[in-house]
Amino acid sequence: MPFSEEATQLTKSLVEGKDVRLVVSKERDMHGRLVAYVYVDGRDVSLSLLDEGYAAMRFSNLSSNPYNAEEYREAQNSASSNKKGLWQIDGYADPEKESGFKKRGAMEKYLELMGKGEVE
């Protein structure tokens, strides 16, 4: 996926070798999975990814886990408005839709944005 390497690097830089605190939700998500929020030095790692445009939230998943919903929406809206990360690819991310992402042509556009040429 576009910006997955950048998201991985940011996550590693935030958590590797550091004390991590998990806050586990009392409720499961819409698929029955446990949800945990990851914090390092008081900072929500998911919020950091949203801030940089390396993640997108799916609003439909928040009905059972509204823990940081407003902060997450604000971070995503800011990243989208500022065309950060995946928001540089017009029409790629649409968290309001069930599929979440429009994948056709996304990697090609990402590689073009990064100056990396064509997909090998």
PDB file of N, CA and C in Angstrom:
ATOM      1  N   MET A   1       0.834  -1.179   0.000  1.00  0.00           N
ATOM      2  CA  MET A   1       0.000   0.000   0.000  1.00  0.00           C
ATOM      3  C   MET A   1       0.881   1.246   0.000  1.00  0.00           C
ATOM      4  N   PRO A   2       0.416   2.296  -0.629  1.00  0.00           N
ATOM      5  CA  PRO A   2       1.162   3.550  -0.602  1.00  0.00           C
ATOM      6  C   PRO A   2       1.420   4.023   0.828  1.00  0.00           C
ATOM      7  N   PHE A   3       2.610   4.486   1.063  1.00  0.00           N
ATOM      8  CA  PHE A   3       3.061   5.041   2.333  1.00  0.00           C
ATOM      9  C   PHE A   3       3.163   4.006   3.457  1.00  0.00           C
ATOM     10  N   SER A   4       3.110   2.722   3.117  1.00  0.00           N
ATOM     11  CA  SER A   4       3.251   1.692   4.162  1.00  0.00           C
ATOM     12  C   SER A   4       4.667   1.673   4.723  1.00  0.00           C
ATOM     13  N   GLU A   5       5.665   1.893   3.881  1.00  0.00           N
ATOM     14  CA  GLU A   5       7.048   1.923   4.375  1.00  0.00           C
ATOM     15  C   GLU A   5       7.257   3.109   5.312  1.00  0.00           C
ATOM     16  N   GLU A   6       6.700   4.247   4.953  1.00  0.00           N
ATOM     17  CA  GLU A   6       6.829   5.433   5.791  1.00  0.00           C
ATOM     18  C   GLU A   6       6.103   5.231   7.132  1.00  0.00           C
ATOM     19  N   ALA A   7       4.938   4.602   7.076  1.00  0.00           N
ATOM     20  CA  ALA A   7       4.186   4.321   8.299  1.00  0.00           C
ATOM     21  C   ALA A   7       4.963   3.365   9.197  1.00  0.00           C
ATOM     22  N   THR A   8       5.577   2.360   8.600  1.00  0.00           N
ATOM     23  CA  THR A   8       6.379   1.404   9.362  1.00  0.00           C
ATOM     24  C   THR A   8       7.557   2.104  10.017  1.00  0.00           C
ATOM     25  N   GLN A   9       8.248   2.953   9.277  1.00  0.00           N
ATOM     26  CA  GLN A   9       9.411   3.659   9.829  1.00  0.00           C
ATOM     27  C   GLN A   9       9.011   4.602  10.958  1.00  0.00           C
ATOM     28  N   LEU A  10       7.911   5.316  10.790  1.00  0.00           N
ATOM     29  CA  LEU A  10       7.452   6.216  11.852  1.00  0.00           C
ATOM     30  C   LEU A  10       7.091   5.409  13.099  1.00  0.00           C
ATOM     31  N   THR A  11       6.381   4.315  12.915  1.00  0.00           N
ATOM     32  CA  THR A  11       5.991   3.481  14.054  1.00  0.00           C
ATOM     33  C   THR A  11       7.220   2.957  14.783  1.00  0.00           C
ATOM     34  N   LYS A  12       8.196   2.461  14.023  1.00  0.00           N
ATOM     35  CA  LYS A  12       9.435   1.971  14.648  1.00  0.00           C
ATOM     36  C   LYS A  12      10.125   3.078  15.428  1.00  0.00           C
ATOM     37  N   SER A  13      10.188   4.271  14.841  1.00  0.00           N
ATOM     38  CA  SER A  13      10.875   5.374  15.522  1.00  0.00           C
ATOM     39  C   SER A  13      10.159   5.778  16.804  1.00  0.00           C
ATOM     40  N   LEU A  14       8.866   5.564  16.852  1.00  0.00           N
ATOM     41  CA  LEU A  14       8.092   5.938  18.037  1.00  0.00           C
ATOM     42  C   LEU A  14       8.156   4.889  19.144  1.00  0.00           C
ATOM     43  N   VAL A  15       8.278   3.596  18.769  1.00  0.00           N
ATOM     44  CA  VAL A  15       8.131   2.556  19.789  1.00  0.00           C
ATOM     45  C   VAL A  15       9.374   1.718  20.089  1.00  0.00           C
ATOM     46  N   GLU A  16      10.293   1.591  19.142  1.00  0.00           N
ATOM     47  CA  GLU A  16      11.447   0.715  19.364  1.00  0.00           C
ATOM     48  C   GLU A  16      12.277   1.155  20.558  1.00  0.00           C
ATOM     49  N   GLY A  17      12.511   0.211  21.457  1.00  0.00           N
ATOM     50  CA  GLY A  17      13.353   0.464  22.613  1.00  0.00           C
ATOM     51  C   GLY A  17      12.721   1.336  23.678  1.00  0.00           C
ATOM     52  N   LYS A  18      11.435   1.590  23.567  1.00  0.00           N
ATOM     53  CA  LYS A  18      10.759   2.479  24.514  1.00  0.00           C
ATOM     54  C   LYS A  18       9.706   1.712  25.306  1.00  0.00           C
ATOM     55  N   ASP A  19       9.340   2.255  26.441  1.00  0.00           N
ATOM     56  CA  ASP A  19       8.250   1.686  27.219  1.00  0.00           C
ATOM     57  C   ASP A  19       6.932   2.046  26.537  1.00  0.00           C
ATOM     58  N   VAL A  20       6.146   1.024  26.280  1.00  0.00           N
ATOM     59  CA  VAL A  20       4.871   1.190  25.593  1.00  0.00           C
ATOM     60  C   VAL A  20       3.749   0.910  26.583  1.00  0.00           C
ATOM     61  N   ARG A  21       2.734   1.747  26.545  1.00  0.00           N
ATOM     62  CA  ARG A  21       1.560   1.536  27.399  1.00  0.00           C
ATOM     63  C   ARG A  21       0.385   1.229  26.489  1.00  0.00           C
ATOM     64  N   LEU A  22      -0.335   0.161  26.808  1.00  0.00           N
ATOM     65  CA  LEU A  22      -1.524  -0.209  26.048  1.00  0.00           C
ATOM     66  C   LEU A  22      -2.766   0.098  26.867  1.00  0.00           C
ATOM     67  N   VAL A  23      -3.751   0.696  26.208  1.00  0.00           N
ATOM     68  CA  VAL A  23      -5.055   0.894  26.814  1.00  0.00           C
ATOM     69  C   VAL A  23      -6.007   0.023  26.012  1.00  0.00           C
ATOM     70  N   VAL A  24      -6.533  -1.011  26.655  1.00  0.00           N
ATOM     71  CA  VAL A  24      -7.396  -1.962  25.971  1.00  0.00           C
ATOM     72  C   VAL A  24      -8.846  -1.533  26.151  1.00  0.00           C
ATOM     73  N   SER A  25      -9.562  -1.460  25.031  1.00  0.00           N
ATOM     74  CA  SER A  25     -10.966  -1.080  25.054  1.00  0.00           C
ATOM     75  C   SER A  25     -11.794  -2.147  25.762  1.00  0.00           C
ATOM     76  N   LYS A  26     -12.833  -1.719  26.448  1.00  0.00           N
ATOM     77  CA  LYS A  26     -13.732  -2.665  27.099  1.00  0.00           C
ATOM     78  C   LYS A  26     -14.612  -3.387  26.079  1.00  0.00           C
ATOM     79  N   GLU A  27     -14.804  -2.755  24.934  1.00  0.00           N
ATOM     80  CA  GLU A  27     -15.636  -3.338  23.899  1.00  0.00           C
ATOM     81  C   GLU A  27     -14.773  -3.803  22.736  1.00  0.00           C
ATOM     82  N   ARG A  28     -15.291  -4.763  21.996  1.00  0.00           N
ATOM     83  CA  ARG A  28     -14.614  -5.250  20.795  1.00  0.00           C
ATOM     84  C   ARG A  28     -15.103  -4.452  19.594  1.00  0.00           C
ATOM     85  N   ASP A  29     -14.334  -4.500  18.501  1.00  0.00           N
ATOM     86  CA  ASP A  29     -14.749  -3.785  17.297  1.00  0.00           C
ATOM     87  C   ASP A  29     -15.881  -4.546  16.597  1.00  0.00           C
ATOM     88  N   MET A  30     -16.314  -4.009  15.481  1.00  0.00           N
ATOM     89  CA  MET A  30     -17.456  -4.584  14.766  1.00  0.00           C
ATOM     90  C   MET A  30     -17.194  -6.007  14.263  1.00  0.00           C
ATOM     91  N   HIS A  31     -15.936  -6.436  14.268  1.00  0.00           N
ATOM     92  CA  HIS A  31     -15.588  -7.787  13.829  1.00  0.00           C
ATOM     93  C   HIS A  31     -15.273  -8.702  15.009  1.00  0.00           C
ATOM     94  N   GLY A  32     -15.503  -8.215  16.221  1.00  0.00           N
ATOM     95  CA  GLY A  32     -15.274  -9.012  17.412  1.00  0.00           C
ATOM     96  C   GLY A  32     -13.835  -9.021  17.901  1.00  0.00           C
ATOM     97  N   ARG A  33     -12.994  -8.150  17.358  1.00  0.00           N
ATOM     98  CA  ARG A  33     -11.583  -8.111  17.753  1.00  0.00           C
ATOM     99  C   ARG A  33     -11.370  -7.155  18.926  1.00  0.00           C
ATOM    100  N   LEU A  34     -10.392  -7.503  19.763  1.00  0.00           N
ATOM    101  CA  LEU A  34      -9.972  -6.590  20.821  1.00  0.00           C
ATOM    102  C   LEU A  34      -9.331  -5.361  20.189  1.00  0.00           C
ATOM    103  N   VAL A  35      -9.527  -4.232  20.797  1.00  0.00           N
ATOM    104  CA  VAL A  35      -8.917  -2.995  20.320  1.00  0.00           C
ATOM    105  C   VAL A  35      -8.039  -2.450  21.439  1.00  0.00           C
ATOM    106  N   ALA A  36      -6.804  -2.119  21.101  1.00  0.00           N
ATOM    107  CA  ALA A  36      -5.895  -1.529  22.077  1.00  0.00           C
ATOM    108  C   ALA A  36      -5.310  -0.252  21.491  1.00  0.00           C
ATOM    109  N   TYR A  37      -5.152   0.731  22.348  1.00  0.00           N
ATOM    110  CA  TYR A  37      -4.541   1.996  21.961  1.00  0.00           C
ATOM    111  C   TYR A  37      -3.118   1.984  22.495  1.00  0.00           C
ATOM    112  N   VAL A  38      -2.160   2.343  21.651  1.00  0.00           N
ATOM    113  CA  VAL A  38      -0.739   2.265  21.981  1.00  0.00           C
ATOM    114  C   VAL A  38      -0.217   3.663  22.288  1.00  0.00           C
ATOM    115  N   TYR A  39       0.427   3.801  23.466  1.00  0.00           N
ATOM    116  CA  TYR A  39       0.984   5.080  23.884  1.00  0.00           C
ATOM    117  C   TYR A  39       2.470   4.933  24.197  1.00  0.00           C
ATOM    118  N   VAL A  40       3.244   5.929  23.791  1.00  0.00           N
ATOM    119  CA  VAL A  40       4.657   6.028  24.137  1.00  0.00           C
ATOM    120  C   VAL A  40       4.880   7.470  24.598  1.00  0.00           C
ATOM    121  N   ASP A  41       5.423   7.632  25.766  1.00  0.00           N
ATOM    122  CA  ASP A  41       5.652   8.968  26.334  1.00  0.00           C
ATOM    123  C   ASP A  41       4.385   9.816  26.315  1.00  0.00           C
ATOM    124  N   GLY A  42       3.248   9.185  26.568  1.00  0.00           N
ATOM    125  CA  GLY A  42       1.978   9.890  26.619  1.00  0.00           C
ATOM    126  C   GLY A  42       1.357  10.209  25.272  1.00  0.00           C
ATOM    127  N   ARG A  43       2.000   9.810  24.184  1.00  0.00           N
ATOM    128  CA  ARG A  43       1.515  10.121  22.830  1.00  0.00           C
ATOM    129  C   ARG A  43       0.871   8.889  22.208  1.00  0.00           C
ATOM    130  N   ASP A  44      -0.318   9.051  21.658  1.00  0.00           N
ATOM    131  CA  ASP A  44      -1.051   7.986  20.983  1.00  0.00           C
ATOM    132  C   ASP A  44      -0.384   7.727  19.627  1.00  0.00           C
ATOM    133  N   VAL A  45       0.135   6.527  19.437  1.00  0.00           N
ATOM    134  CA  VAL A  45       0.853   6.181  18.211  1.00  0.00           C
ATOM    135  C   VAL A  45      -0.075   6.263  16.991  1.00  0.00           C
ATOM    136  N   SER A  46      -1.311   5.828  17.133  1.00  0.00           N
ATOM    137  CA  SER A  46      -2.261   5.913  16.011  1.00  0.00           C
ATOM    138  C   SER A  46      -2.502   7.361  15.609  1.00  0.00           C
ATOM    139  N   LEU A  47      -2.579   8.233  16.593  1.00  0.00           N
ATOM    140  CA  LEU A  47      -2.777   9.655  16.315  1.00  0.00           C
ATOM    141  C   LEU A  47      -1.586  10.216  15.535  1.00  0.00           C
ATOM    142  N   SER A  48      -0.391   9.773  15.877  1.00  0.00           N
ATOM    143  CA  SER A  48       0.802  10.206  15.140  1.00  0.00           C
ATOM    144  C   SER A  48       0.732   9.772  13.679  1.00  0.00           C
ATOM    145  N   LEU A  49       0.282   8.550  13.433  1.00  0.00           N
ATOM    146  CA  LEU A  49       0.153   8.058  12.056  1.00  0.00           C
ATOM    147  C   LEU A  49      -0.907   8.839  11.289  1.00  0.00           C
ATOM    148  N   LEU A  50      -2.019   9.140  11.948  1.00  0.00           N
ATOM    149  CA  LEU A  50      -3.059   9.941  11.316  1.00  0.00           C
ATOM    150  C   LEU A  50      -2.562  11.349  11.018  1.00  0.00           C
ATOM    151  N   ASP A  51      -1.821  11.941  11.967  1.00  0.00           N
ATOM    152  CA  ASP A  51      -1.271  13.296  11.786  1.00  0.00           C
ATOM    153  C   ASP A  51      -0.423  13.406  10.529  1.00  0.00           C
ATOM    154  N   GLU A  52       0.349  12.372  10.250  1.00  0.00           N
ATOM    155  CA  GLU A  52       1.265  12.386   9.106  1.00  0.00           C
ATOM    156  C   GLU A  52       0.619  11.916   7.807  1.00  0.00           C
ATOM    157  N   GLY A  53      -0.632  11.475   7.894  1.00  0.00           N
ATOM    158  CA  GLY A  53      -1.313  11.001   6.700  1.00  0.00           C
ATOM    159  C   GLY A  53      -0.897   9.590   6.311  1.00  0.00           C
ATOM    160  N   TYR A  54      -0.338   8.848   7.247  1.00  0.00           N
ATOM    161  CA  TYR A  54       0.096   7.473   6.971  1.00  0.00           C
ATOM    162  C   TYR A  54      -0.949   6.453   7.378  1.00  0.00           C
ATOM    163  N   ALA A  55      -2.102   6.924   7.822  1.00  0.00           N
ATOM    164  CA  ALA A  55      -3.203   6.044   8.191  1.00  0.00           C
ATOM    165  C   ALA A  55      -4.502   6.786   7.921  1.00  0.00           C
ATOM    166  N   ALA A  56      -5.563   6.014   7.800  1.00  0.00           N
ATOM    167  CA  ALA A  56      -6.896   6.590   7.655  1.00  0.00           C
ATOM    168  C   ALA A  56      -7.836   5.794   8.547  1.00  0.00           C
ATOM    169  N   MET A  57      -8.730   6.498   9.168  1.00  0.00           N
ATOM    170  CA  MET A  57      -9.698   5.802  10.009  1.00  0.00           C
ATOM    171  C   MET A  57     -10.958   5.531   9.219  1.00  0.00           C
ATOM    172  N   ARG A  58     -11.621   4.474   9.604  1.00  0.00           N
ATOM    173  CA  ARG A  58     -12.911   4.163   8.996  1.00  0.00           C
ATOM    174  C   ARG A  58     -13.971   4.490  10.031  1.00  0.00           C
ATOM    175  N   PHE A  59     -14.757   5.505   9.724  1.00  0.00           N
ATOM    176  CA  PHE A  59     -15.719   6.022  10.683  1.00  0.00           C
ATOM    177  C   PHE A  59     -16.698   4.956  11.157  1.00  0.00           C
ATOM    178  N   SER A  60     -17.028   3.996  10.302  1.00  0.00           N
ATOM    179  CA  SER A  60     -17.992   2.960  10.692  1.00  0.00           C
ATOM    180  C   SER A  60     -17.478   2.122  11.855  1.00  0.00           C
ATOM    181  N   ASN A  61     -16.156   2.023  12.033  1.00  0.00           N
ATOM    182  CA  ASN A  61     -15.595   1.215  13.117  1.00  0.00           C
ATOM    183  C   ASN A  61     -15.673   1.907  14.466  1.00  0.00           C
ATOM    184  N   LEU A  62     -15.999   3.178  14.503  1.00  0.00           N
ATOM    185  CA  LEU A  62     -15.959   3.916  15.758  1.00  0.00           C
ATOM    186  C   LEU A  62     -17.206   3.752  16.613  1.00  0.00           C
ATOM    187  N   SER A  63     -18.246   3.154  16.049  1.00  0.00           N
ATOM    188  CA  SER A  63     -19.484   3.052  16.809  1.00  0.00           C
ATOM    189  C   SER A  63     -19.289   2.273  18.110  1.00  0.00           C
ATOM    190  N   SER A  64     -18.427   1.260  18.095  1.00  0.00           N
ATOM    191  CA  SER A  64     -18.207   0.482  19.307  1.00  0.00           C
ATOM    192  C   SER A  64     -16.947   0.910  20.062  1.00  0.00           C
ATOM    193  N   ASN A  65     -16.110   1.749  19.470  1.00  0.00           N
ATOM    194  CA  ASN A  65     -14.853   2.176  20.098  1.00  0.00           C
ATOM    195  C   ASN A  65     -14.611   3.662  19.877  1.00  0.00           C
ATOM    196  N   PRO A  66     -15.389   4.492  20.546  1.00  0.00           N
ATOM    197  CA  PRO A  66     -15.251   5.935  20.315  1.00  0.00           C
ATOM    198  C   PRO A  66     -14.173   6.610  21.146  1.00  0.00           C
ATOM    199  N   TYR A  67     -13.243   5.845  21.689  1.00  0.00           N
ATOM    200  CA  TYR A  67     -12.271   6.341  22.665  1.00  0.00           C
ATOM    201  C   TYR A  67     -11.629   7.668  22.268  1.00  0.00           C
ATOM    202  N   ASN A  68     -10.990   7.725  21.125  1.00  0.00           N
ATOM    203  CA  ASN A  68     -10.311   8.947  20.674  1.00  0.00           C
ATOM    204  C   ASN A  68     -10.921   9.488  19.384  1.00  0.00           C
ATOM    205  N   ALA A  69     -12.168   9.220  19.162  1.00  0.00           N
ATOM    206  CA  ALA A  69     -12.806   9.527  17.884  1.00  0.00           C
ATOM    207  C   ALA A  69     -12.615  10.976  17.436  1.00  0.00           C
ATOM    208  N   GLU A  70     -12.850  11.919  18.315  1.00  0.00           N
ATOM    209  CA  GLU A  70     -12.772  13.332  17.903  1.00  0.00           C
ATOM    210  C   GLU A  70     -11.343  13.734  17.557  1.00  0.00           C
ATOM    211  N   GLU A  71     -10.370  13.329  18.374  1.00  0.00           N
ATOM    212  CA  GLU A  71      -8.969  13.630  18.072  1.00  0.00           C
ATOM    213  C   GLU A  71      -8.547  12.983  16.747  1.00  0.00           C
ATOM    214  N   TYR A  72      -8.987  11.749  16.544  1.00  0.00           N
ATOM    215  CA  TYR A  72      -8.643  11.036  15.306  1.00  0.00           C
ATOM    216  C   TYR A  72      -9.244  11.749  14.099  1.00  0.00           C
ATOM    217  N   ARG A  73     -10.501  12.158  14.209  1.00  0.00           N
ATOM    218  CA  ARG A  73     -11.144  12.880  13.088  1.00  0.00           C
ATOM    219  C   ARG A  73     -10.392  14.169  12.773  1.00  0.00           C
ATOM    220  N   GLU A  74     -10.036  14.918  13.812  1.00  0.00           N
ATOM    221  CA  GLU A  74      -9.325  16.188  13.610  1.00  0.00           C
ATOM    222  C   GLU A  74      -7.966  15.958  12.938  1.00  0.00           C
ATOM    223  N   ALA A  75      -7.234  14.936  13.384  1.00  0.00           N
ATOM    224  CA  ALA A  75      -5.927  14.642  12.792  1.00  0.00           C
ATOM    225  C   ALA A  75      -6.074  14.223  11.340  1.00  0.00           C
ATOM    226  N   GLN A  76      -7.054  13.379  11.071  1.00  0.00           N
ATOM    227  CA  GLN A  76      -7.260  12.940   9.693  1.00  0.00           C
ATOM    228  C   GLN A  76      -7.702  14.093   8.802  1.00  0.00           C
ATOM    229  N   ASN A  77      -8.611  14.916   9.285  1.00  0.00           N
ATOM    230  CA  ASN A  77      -9.065  16.060   8.495  1.00  0.00           C
ATOM    231  C   ASN A  77      -7.915  17.015   8.198  1.00  0.00           C
ATOM    232  N   SER A  78      -7.044  17.229   9.174  1.00  0.00           N
ATOM    233  CA  SER A  78      -5.886  18.097   8.970  1.00  0.00           C
ATOM    234  C   SER A  78      -4.936  17.510   7.925  1.00  0.00           C
ATOM    235  N   ALA A  79      -4.636  16.227   8.052  1.00  0.00           N
ATOM    236  CA  ALA A  79      -3.749  15.572   7.076  1.00  0.00           C
ATOM    237  C   ALA A  79      -4.356  15.622   5.682  1.00  0.00           C
ATOM    238  N   SER A  80      -5.659  15.396   5.598  1.00  0.00           N
ATOM    239  CA  SER A  80      -6.346  15.436   4.311  1.00  0.00           C
ATOM    240  C   SER A  80      -6.303  16.847   3.715  1.00  0.00           C
ATOM    241  N   SER A  81      -6.625  17.846   4.528  1.00  0.00           N
ATOM    242  CA  SER A  81      -6.621  19.241   4.053  1.00  0.00           C
ATOM    243  C   SER A  81      -5.243  19.678   3.588  1.00  0.00           C
ATOM    244  N   ASN A  82      -4.210  19.181   4.264  1.00  0.00           N
ATOM    245  CA  ASN A  82      -2.838  19.559   3.936  1.00  0.00           C
ATOM    246  C   ASN A  82      -2.163  18.612   2.947  1.00  0.00           C
ATOM    247  N   LYS A  83      -2.945  17.668   2.411  1.00  0.00           N
ATOM    248  CA  LYS A  83      -2.438  16.714   1.408  1.00  0.00           C
ATOM    249  C   LYS A  83      -1.174  16.012   1.896  1.00  0.00           C
ATOM    250  N   LYS A  84      -1.236  15.523   3.127  1.00  0.00           N
ATOM    251  CA  LYS A  84      -0.101  14.806   3.698  1.00  0.00           C
ATOM    252  C   LYS A  84      -0.270  13.311   3.456  1.00  0.00           C
ATOM    253  N   GLY A  85       0.848  12.633   3.234  1.00  0.00           N
ATOM    254  CA  GLY A  85       0.832  11.186   3.103  1.00  0.00           C
ATOM    255  C   GLY A  85      -0.128  10.695   2.042  1.00  0.00           C
ATOM    256  N   LEU A  86      -0.963   9.739   2.409  1.00  0.00           N
ATOM    257  CA  LEU A  86      -1.855   9.121   1.433  1.00  0.00           C
ATOM    258  C   LEU A  86      -2.882  10.079   0.862  1.00  0.00           C
ATOM    259  N   TRP A  87      -3.077  11.210   1.520  1.00  0.00           N
ATOM    260  CA  TRP A  87      -4.043  12.197   1.031  1.00  0.00           C
ATOM    261  C   TRP A  87      -3.527  12.955  -0.189  1.00  0.00           C
ATOM    262  N   GLN A  88      -2.289  12.710  -0.584  1.00  0.00           N
ATOM    263  CA  GLN A  88      -1.753  13.284  -1.819  1.00  0.00           C
ATOM    264  C   GLN A  88      -2.328  12.594  -3.048  1.00  0.00           C
ATOM    265  N   ILE A  89      -2.861  11.386  -2.847  1.00  0.00           N
ATOM    266  CA  ILE A  89      -3.395  10.600  -3.954  1.00  0.00           C
ATOM    267  C   ILE A  89      -4.900  10.835  -4.008  1.00  0.00           C
ATOM    268  N   ASP A  90      -5.322  11.711  -4.915  1.00  0.00           N
ATOM    269  CA  ASP A  90      -6.731  12.083  -5.003  1.00  0.00           C
ATOM    270  C   ASP A  90      -7.634  10.859  -5.125  1.00  0.00           C
ATOM    271  N   GLY A  91      -8.638  10.804  -4.248  1.00  0.00           N
ATOM    272  CA  GLY A  91      -9.637   9.755  -4.298  1.00  0.00           C
ATOM    273  C   GLY A  91      -9.192   8.409  -3.752  1.00  0.00           C
ATOM    274  N   TYR A  92      -7.951   8.301  -3.286  1.00  0.00           N
ATOM    275  CA  TYR A  92      -7.450   7.009  -2.817  1.00  0.00           C
ATOM    276  C   TYR A  92      -8.114   6.577  -1.511  1.00  0.00           C
ATOM    277  N   ALA A  93      -8.088   7.428  -0.513  1.00  0.00           N
ATOM    278  CA  ALA A  93      -8.641   7.070   0.794  1.00  0.00           C
ATOM    279  C   ALA A  93     -10.025   7.673   0.958  1.00  0.00           C
ATOM    280  N   ASP A  94     -10.970   6.846   1.294  1.00  0.00           N
ATOM    281  CA  ASP A  94     -12.322   7.301   1.566  1.00  0.00           C
ATOM    282  C   ASP A  94     -12.868   6.474   2.720  1.00  0.00           C
ATOM    283  N   PRO A  95     -12.572   6.884   3.950  1.00  0.00           N
ATOM    284  CA  PRO A  95     -12.965   6.086   5.112  1.00  0.00           C
ATOM    285  C   PRO A  95     -14.471   5.971   5.299  1.00  0.00           C
ATOM    286  N   GLU A  96     -15.234   6.815   4.628  1.00  0.00           N
ATOM    287  CA  GLU A  96     -16.690   6.749   4.761  1.00  0.00           C
ATOM    288  C   GLU A  96     -17.262   5.551   4.021  1.00  0.00           C
ATOM    289  N   LYS A  97     -16.503   5.013   3.057  1.00  0.00           N
ATOM    290  CA  LYS A  97     -16.974   3.855   2.296  1.00  0.00           C
ATOM    291  C   LYS A  97     -16.503   2.578   2.962  1.00  0.00           C
ATOM    292  N   GLU A  98     -17.262   1.527   2.812  1.00  0.00           N
ATOM    293  CA  GLU A  98     -16.946   0.265   3.464  1.00  0.00           C
ATOM    294  C   GLU A  98     -15.603  -0.294   3.017  1.00  0.00           C
ATOM    295  N   SER A  99     -15.237  -0.125   1.754  1.00  0.00           N
ATOM    296  CA  SER A  99     -13.970  -0.671   1.267  1.00  0.00           C
ATOM    297  C   SER A  99     -12.773   0.106   1.804  1.00  0.00           C
ATOM    298  N   GLY A 100     -12.976   1.368   2.159  1.00  0.00           N
ATOM    299  CA  GLY A 100     -11.922   2.162   2.759  1.00  0.00           C
ATOM    300  C   GLY A 100     -10.954   2.792   1.785  1.00  0.00           C
ATOM    301  N   PHE A 101     -10.417   2.000   0.854  1.00  0.00           N
ATOM    302  CA  PHE A 101      -9.400   2.514  -0.053  1.00  0.00           C
ATOM    303  C   PHE A 101      -9.695   2.122  -1.495  1.00  0.00           C
ATOM    304  N   LYS A 102      -9.377   3.026  -2.394  1.00  0.00           N
ATOM    305  CA  LYS A 102      -9.470   2.763  -3.825  1.00  0.00           C
ATOM    306  C   LYS A 102      -8.071   2.380  -4.282  1.00  0.00           C
ATOM    307  N   LYS A 103      -7.855   1.111  -4.533  1.00  0.00           N
ATOM    308  CA  LYS A 103      -6.499   0.625  -4.762  1.00  0.00           C
ATOM    309  C   LYS A 103      -6.023   0.735  -6.207  1.00  0.00           C
ATOM    310  N   ARG A 104      -6.918   0.733  -7.165  1.00  0.00           N
ATOM    311  CA  ARG A 104      -6.506   0.766  -8.565  1.00  0.00           C
ATOM    312  C   ARG A 104      -5.698   2.024  -8.871  1.00  0.00           C
ATOM    313  N   GLY A 105      -4.486   1.844  -9.316  1.00  0.00           N
ATOM    314  CA  GLY A 105      -3.625   2.945  -9.708  1.00  0.00           C
ATOM    315  C   GLY A 105      -2.942   3.667  -8.563  1.00  0.00           C
ATOM    316  N   ALA A 106      -3.222   3.280  -7.325  1.00  0.00           N
ATOM    317  CA  ALA A 106      -2.675   3.996  -6.176  1.00  0.00           C
ATOM    318  C   ALA A 106      -1.160   3.856  -6.079  1.00  0.00           C
ATOM    319  N   MET A 107      -0.631   2.651  -6.279  1.00  0.00           N
ATOM    320  CA  MET A 107       0.823   2.470  -6.169  1.00  0.00           C
ATOM    321  C   MET A 107       1.552   3.244  -7.258  1.00  0.00           C
ATOM    322  N   GLU A 108       1.002   3.251  -8.444  1.00  0.00           N
ATOM    323  CA  GLU A 108       1.626   4.002  -9.537  1.00  0.00           C
ATOM    324  C   GLU A 108       1.689   5.487  -9.200  1.00  0.00           C
ATOM    325  N   LYS A 109       0.591   6.018  -8.659  1.00  0.00           N
ATOM    326  CA  LYS A 109       0.558   7.434  -8.283  1.00  0.00           C
ATOM    327  C   LYS A 109       1.539   7.708  -7.137  1.00  0.00           C
ATOM    328  N   TYR A 110       1.603   6.798  -6.178  1.00  0.00           N
ATOM    329  CA  TYR A 110       2.545   6.935  -5.069  1.00  0.00           C
ATOM    330  C   TYR A 110       3.976   6.976  -5.577  1.00  0.00           C
ATOM    331  N   LEU A 111       4.338   6.037  -6.442  1.00  0.00           N
ATOM    332  CA  LEU A 111       5.700   5.990  -6.972  1.00  0.00           C
ATOM    333  C   LEU A 111       6.022   7.257  -7.758  1.00  0.00           C
ATOM    334  N   GLU A 112       5.036   7.759  -8.482  1.00  0.00           N
ATOM    335  CA  GLU A 112       5.214   9.014  -9.222  1.00  0.00           C
ATOM    336  C   GLU A 112       5.469  10.167  -8.243  1.00  0.00           C
ATOM    337  N   LEU A 113       4.673  10.244  -7.173  1.00  0.00           N
ATOM    338  CA  LEU A 113       4.844  11.294  -6.165  1.00  0.00           C
ATOM    339  C   LEU A 113       6.223  11.227  -5.509  1.00  0.00           C
ATOM    340  N   MET A 114       6.708  10.018  -5.314  1.00  0.00           N
ATOM    341  CA  MET A 114       7.999   9.805  -4.643  1.00  0.00           C
ATOM    342  C   MET A 114       9.177   9.861  -5.613  1.00  0.00           C
ATOM    343  N   GLY A 115       8.871  10.031  -6.910  1.00  0.00           N
ATOM    344  CA  GLY A 115       9.934  10.088  -7.908  1.00  0.00           C
ATOM    345  C   GLY A 115      10.636   8.759  -8.108  1.00  0.00           C
ATOM    346  N   LYS A 116       9.900   7.682  -7.896  1.00  0.00           N
ATOM    347  CA  LYS A 116      10.500   6.346  -7.980  1.00  0.00           C
ATOM    348  C   LYS A 116      10.209   5.632  -9.291  1.00  0.00           C
ATOM    349  N   GLY A 117       9.509   6.275 -10.205  1.00  0.00           N
ATOM    350  CA  GLY A 117       9.266   5.638 -11.501  1.00  0.00           C
ATOM    351  C   GLY A 117       8.166   4.598 -11.465  1.00  0.00           C
ATOM    352  N   GLU A 118       8.286   3.603 -12.301  1.00  0.00           N
ATOM    353  CA  GLU A 118       7.228   2.599 -12.484  1.00  0.00           C
ATOM    354  C   GLU A 118       7.381   1.434 -11.524  1.00  0.00           C
ATOM    355  N   VAL A 119       6.267   0.694 -11.380  1.00  0.00           N
ATOM    356  CA  VAL A 119       6.255  -0.511 -10.565  1.00  0.00           C
ATOM    357  C   VAL A 119       7.051  -1.580 -11.292  1.00  0.00           C
ATOM    358  N   GLU A 120       7.960  -2.254 -10.570  1.00  0.00           N
ATOM    359  CA  GLU A 120       8.784  -3.286 -11.189  1.00  0.00           C
ATOM    360  C   GLU A 120       8.079  -4.614 -11.166  1.00  0.00           C
TER     361      GLU A 120
END
